[in-house]
Amino acid sequence: MFVNNNSKRKVISDGRLAELRKFCERAKIHVKNFDLLDLAFHHRSYSNENSQFAHMNNERLEFLGDSVLGLSTAAFLFADMPGHPEGDLAKIKSTVVSEQTLAPIALSLEIDKMLVLGRGEELSGGRQKKAILADCMEAVFGAYYLDQGFEKAEKLVLSFIVPEIRKVQEDRGQKDFKSLLQEYFQKKTKDIPRYELVKRTGPDHDMTFWVTVHLGPVAYGPESGKSKKEAEQNAAKAAWLVVTGKN
């Protein structure tokens, strides 16, 4: 059960409560604690700019929701693919439990409209950033777990993740180019790719990361992304397309 230990908390307005109820309709969920659900949409940029709500952000819920998402996905794959080795399960899990998968799901639920951001993040286009959307999606999973328990939270997670798993199983999903590149390079050389963060550009609230991937003595990139993980994936994709001759 969630207990709000903050001495100060935002009072949810009637308009915001209506928005939260509409979100529940879109997500096909029922919640008891709307304060908790509302917290899932509060990005740290808001609490950073509003000292009276210094701890009012979704990072703890995101931490919890990440585990709910991971366990739900892993348990499903374990039961769904009984004849497959751990490596096959891990590869699919890493693909579907990712910004690339979660951000579009968040947009389908109009989470971009629900976000509570600081002014700086708002002005830098934070509502469309994959990392923020994916993190918020995980925070929603965490909030729903605390409100309704694991069984219902797992059902919610799988309602979104199973279709993405099926896409990967049918080779129609987002490709995990880091895994593809490592598998290819290891077969060729018995070595693994090495990723180097070359630089960061932009302000703290709107940073761009640049990553180069090294395959032995040969470097590919740098490629950019709004998170280090995204930049690594983009560098891996650029390298994989070249070394496999598919560019």
Protein backbone atom coordinates (compact mmCIF):
# COMPACT_ATOMS: atom_id res chain seq x y z
CA MET A 1 0.00 0.00 0.00
CA PHE A 2 1.31 3.44 -0.91
CA VAL A 3 1.83 5.92 1.87
CA ASN A 4 2.66 9.53 1.01
CA ASN A 5 5.16 10.66 3.59
CA ASN A 6 5.65 14.11 2.11
CA SER A 7 4.36 16.81 4.43
CA LYS A 8 3.57 18.88 1.36
CA ARG A 9 1.79 17.50 -1.64
CA LYS A 10 -0.03 18.92 -4.59
CA VAL A 11 -3.79 18.93 -4.34
CA ILE A 12 -5.25 17.44 -7.49
CA SER A 13 -7.62 19.86 -9.19
CA ASP A 14 -10.95 18.74 -10.59
CA GLY A 15 -9.61 19.24 -14.10
CA ARG A 16 -6.52 17.12 -13.45
CA LEU A 17 -8.65 14.43 -11.81
CA ALA A 18 -10.80 14.31 -14.95
CA GLU A 19 -7.65 13.88 -17.05
CA LEU A 20 -6.47 11.04 -14.82
CA ARG A 21 -9.83 9.30 -15.11
CA LYS A 22 -9.68 9.58 -18.90
CA PHE A 23 -6.17 8.11 -18.84
CA CYS A 24 -7.50 5.14 -16.86
CA GLU A 25 -10.15 4.65 -19.52
CA ARG A 26 -7.51 4.64 -22.27
CA ALA A 27 -5.31 2.22 -20.34
CA LYS A 28 -8.34 0.11 -19.31
CA ILE A 29 -7.41 0.23 -15.65
CA HIS A 30 -9.11 1.15 -12.38
CA VAL A 31 -7.18 2.86 -9.60
CA LYS A 32 -8.01 3.83 -6.04
CA ASN A 33 -5.17 6.26 -5.35
CA PHE A 34 -5.17 9.08 -7.88
CA ASP A 35 -2.41 10.90 -5.98
CA LEU A 36 -0.14 7.97 -6.71
CA LEU A 37 -1.10 7.79 -10.37
CA ASP A 38 -0.61 11.55 -10.73
CA LEU A 39 2.88 11.26 -9.24
CA ALA A 40 3.81 8.81 -12.03
CA PHE A 41 3.55 11.68 -14.54
CA HIS A 42 5.78 14.13 -12.64
CA HIS A 43 9.22 14.41 -14.21
CA ARG A 44 12.16 15.42 -12.01
CA SER A 45 12.48 18.71 -13.93
CA TYR A 46 9.25 19.81 -12.22
CA SER A 47 10.46 19.07 -8.70
CA ASN A 48 13.84 20.62 -9.50
CA GLU A 49 12.14 23.91 -10.35
CA ASN A 50 9.60 23.81 -7.50
CA SER A 51 11.40 23.52 -4.19
CA GLN A 52 8.18 23.11 -2.21
CA PHE A 53 7.72 19.78 -4.01
CA ALA A 54 11.40 18.82 -3.95
CA HIS A 55 10.79 15.07 -3.84
CA MET A 56 7.65 14.97 -5.95
CA ASN A 57 8.82 13.14 -9.05
CA ASN A 58 8.33 9.73 -10.60
CA GLU A 59 11.87 8.34 -10.25
CA ARG A 60 11.09 5.95 -7.37
CA LEU A 61 7.99 4.68 -9.17
CA GLU A 62 10.04 4.25 -12.33
CA PHE A 63 12.58 2.18 -10.37
CA LEU A 64 9.80 -0.07 -9.10
CA GLY A 65 7.96 -0.25 -12.41
CA ASP A 66 11.14 -1.30 -14.24
CA SER A 67 11.25 -4.41 -12.06
CA VAL A 68 7.54 -5.12 -12.55
CA LEU A 69 8.02 -4.80 -16.30
CA GLY A 70 11.12 -6.98 -16.34
CA LEU A 71 9.67 -9.77 -14.22
CA SER A 72 6.36 -9.83 -16.10
CA THR A 73 8.15 -10.00 -19.45
CA ALA A 74 10.67 -12.61 -18.33
CA ALA A 75 7.99 -14.85 -16.81
CA PHE A 76 5.91 -14.67 -19.98
CA LEU A 77 8.87 -15.52 -22.22
CA PHE A 78 9.88 -18.40 -19.94
CA ALA A 79 6.41 -19.94 -20.26
CA ASP A 80 5.87 -19.03 -23.91
CA MET A 81 9.18 -20.37 -25.28
CA PRO A 82 9.88 -23.61 -23.35
CA GLY A 83 12.30 -25.06 -25.88
CA HIS A 84 14.52 -22.01 -26.24
CA PRO A 85 17.81 -21.28 -24.46
CA GLU A 86 18.30 -18.34 -22.11
CA GLY A 87 20.04 -16.33 -24.83
CA ASP A 88 16.95 -16.31 -27.05
CA LEU A 89 14.76 -15.13 -24.18
CA ALA A 90 17.25 -12.45 -23.15
CA LYS A 91 17.52 -11.11 -26.70
CA ILE A 92 13.75 -10.66 -27.03
CA LYS A 93 13.46 -9.19 -23.55
CA SER A 94 16.18 -6.61 -24.23
CA THR A 95 14.35 -5.55 -27.38
CA VAL A 96 10.86 -5.13 -25.92
CA VAL A 97 11.95 -3.73 -22.54
CA SER A 98 13.48 -0.64 -24.14
CA GLU A 99 12.88 3.02 -24.90
CA GLN A 100 12.23 2.12 -28.53
CA THR A 101 9.26 -0.03 -27.51
CA LEU A 102 7.94 1.81 -24.47
CA ALA A 103 7.92 5.33 -25.91
CA PRO A 104 5.40 4.54 -28.70
CA ILE A 105 3.22 2.72 -26.17
CA ALA A 106 3.30 5.82 -23.97
CA LEU A 107 2.30 8.00 -26.93
CA SER A 108 -0.60 5.66 -27.74
CA LEU A 109 -1.89 6.33 -24.21
CA GLU A 110 -1.35 10.09 -24.65
CA ILE A 111 1.15 10.15 -21.80
CA ASP A 112 2.84 13.07 -23.55
CA LYS A 113 -0.23 15.15 -22.66
CA MET A 114 -0.24 13.92 -19.05
CA LEU A 115 3.38 14.78 -18.22
CA VAL A 116 4.14 17.42 -15.61
CA LEU A 117 7.44 19.03 -16.61
CA GLY A 118 9.61 21.90 -15.52
CA ARG A 119 9.64 24.96 -17.75
CA GLY A 120 13.08 24.21 -19.17
CA GLU A 121 12.16 20.64 -20.10
CA GLU A 122 8.87 21.82 -21.56
CA LEU A 123 10.61 24.35 -23.80
CA SER A 124 13.15 21.77 -24.98
CA GLY A 125 10.45 19.41 -26.27
CA GLY A 126 10.46 17.02 -23.31
CA ARG A 127 6.99 15.71 -24.07
CA GLN A 128 8.33 13.94 -27.15
CA LYS A 129 11.59 12.60 -25.70
CA LYS A 130 11.72 8.82 -25.80
CA ALA A 131 13.59 8.52 -22.52
CA ILE A 132 11.04 10.63 -20.61
CA LEU A 133 8.09 8.80 -22.17
CA ALA A 134 9.56 5.36 -21.50
CA ASP A 135 10.48 6.25 -17.92
CA CYS A 136 6.96 7.54 -17.32
CA MET A 137 5.49 4.34 -18.71
CA GLU A 138 7.54 2.37 -16.19
CA ALA A 139 6.41 4.74 -13.42
CA VAL A 140 2.78 4.02 -14.35
CA PHE A 141 3.49 0.30 -14.03
CA GLY A 142 5.01 0.94 -10.61
CA ALA A 143 2.07 3.05 -9.45
CA TYR A 144 -0.44 0.47 -10.67
CA TYR A 145 1.45 -2.31 -8.89
CA LEU A 146 1.29 -0.40 -5.59
CA ASP A 147 -2.38 0.41 -6.11
CA GLN A 148 -3.68 -2.94 -7.35
CA GLY A 149 -1.02 -5.59 -6.72
CA PHE A 150 1.23 -7.64 -8.94
CA GLU A 151 -1.39 -9.76 -10.72
CA LYS A 152 -3.21 -6.76 -12.20
CA ALA A 153 0.05 -4.92 -12.88
CA GLU A 154 1.37 -7.95 -14.76
CA LYS A 155 -1.84 -8.09 -16.79
CA LEU A 156 -1.42 -4.42 -17.71
CA VAL A 157 2.23 -4.88 -18.69
CA LEU A 158 1.50 -7.92 -20.85
CA SER A 159 -1.40 -6.21 -22.61
CA PHE A 160 1.21 -3.92 -24.17
CA ILE A 161 4.31 -6.12 -24.24
CA VAL A 162 2.96 -9.38 -25.68
CA PRO A 163 2.10 -7.79 -29.07
CA GLU A 164 5.66 -6.41 -29.17
CA ILE A 165 7.07 -9.86 -28.33
CA ARG A 166 5.06 -11.35 -31.18
CA LYS A 167 6.51 -8.78 -33.58
CA VAL A 168 10.04 -9.74 -32.59
CA GLN A 169 9.24 -13.45 -32.81
CA GLU A 170 7.93 -12.83 -36.32
CA ASP A 171 10.92 -10.56 -37.09
CA ARG A 172 8.73 -7.49 -37.45
CA GLY A 173 9.83 -5.57 -34.35
CA GLN A 174 12.48 -3.02 -33.53
CA LYS A 175 15.87 -4.67 -33.98
CA ASP A 176 18.37 -4.70 -31.15
CA PHE A 177 21.39 -3.71 -33.23
CA LYS A 178 23.81 -3.96 -30.30
CA SER A 179 22.96 -7.64 -29.90
CA LEU A 180 23.03 -8.25 -33.66
CA LEU A 181 26.43 -6.57 -33.99
CA GLN A 182 27.93 -8.41 -31.03
CA GLU A 183 26.68 -11.77 -32.30
CA TYR A 184 28.10 -11.09 -35.77
CA PHE A 185 31.45 -9.77 -34.55
CA GLN A 186 31.98 -12.55 -32.02
CA LYS A 187 31.42 -15.18 -34.68
CA LYS A 188 33.98 -13.48 -36.92
CA THR A 189 36.68 -12.60 -34.40
CA LYS A 190 35.85 -14.05 -30.94
CA ASP A 191 36.02 -10.42 -29.76
CA ILE A 192 33.26 -7.99 -28.77
CA PRO A 193 32.43 -4.44 -29.90
CA ARG A 194 33.64 -1.59 -27.68
CA TYR A 195 31.51 1.53 -27.29
CA GLU A 196 33.08 4.93 -26.61
CA LEU A 197 31.16 8.00 -25.49
CA VAL A 198 32.84 10.66 -27.62
CA LYS A 199 31.03 13.75 -26.40
CA ARG A 200 27.90 15.26 -24.90
CA THR A 201 26.33 18.37 -26.35
CA GLY A 202 23.52 20.67 -25.26
CA PRO A 203 22.23 21.79 -21.86
CA ASP A 204 21.59 19.32 -19.02
CA HIS A 205 17.85 19.22 -19.70
CA ASP A 206 18.29 18.60 -23.45
CA MET A 207 21.54 16.70 -23.87
CA THR A 208 22.64 14.80 -26.97
CA PHE A 209 25.11 11.92 -26.67
CA TRP A 210 27.63 10.90 -29.35
CA VAL A 211 28.99 7.35 -29.40
CA THR A 212 31.54 5.54 -31.55
CA VAL A 213 31.71 1.75 -31.74
CA HIS A 214 35.06 0.04 -32.24
CA LEU A 215 35.31 -3.32 -33.99
CA GLY A 216 38.92 -4.15 -33.40
CA PRO A 217 40.98 -1.38 -35.03
CA VAL A 218 38.05 -0.02 -37.06
CA ALA A 219 35.73 2.66 -35.65
CA TYR A 220 32.20 3.48 -36.79
CA GLY A 221 30.42 6.69 -35.94
CA PRO A 222 30.05 8.78 -33.98
CA GLU A 223 26.26 8.50 -33.98
CA SER A 224 23.96 10.57 -31.80
CA GLY A 225 21.01 9.95 -29.51
CA LYS A 226 19.04 11.66 -26.77
CA SER A 227 20.32 9.04 -24.32
CA LYS A 228 23.56 7.08 -24.18
CA LYS A 229 21.65 3.86 -24.89
CA GLU A 230 20.02 5.34 -27.99
CA ALA A 231 23.37 6.63 -29.26
CA GLU A 232 24.94 3.18 -28.74
CA GLN A 233 22.08 1.55 -30.66
CA ASN A 234 22.49 4.03 -33.51
CA ALA A 235 26.25 3.44 -33.65
CA ALA A 236 25.71 -0.32 -33.60
CA LYS A 237 23.16 -0.03 -36.42
CA ALA A 238 25.57 2.02 -38.57
CA ALA A 239 28.35 -0.51 -38.03
CA TRP A 240 26.12 -3.55 -38.55
CA LEU A 241 24.78 -2.22 -41.84
CA VAL A 242 28.33 -1.70 -43.13
CA VAL A 243 29.91 -4.97 -41.98
CA THR A 244 26.97 -7.07 -43.20
CA GLY A 245 26.78 -5.22 -46.51
CA LYS A 246 23.14 -4.21 -45.94
CA ASN A 247 23.62 -0.45 -46.16
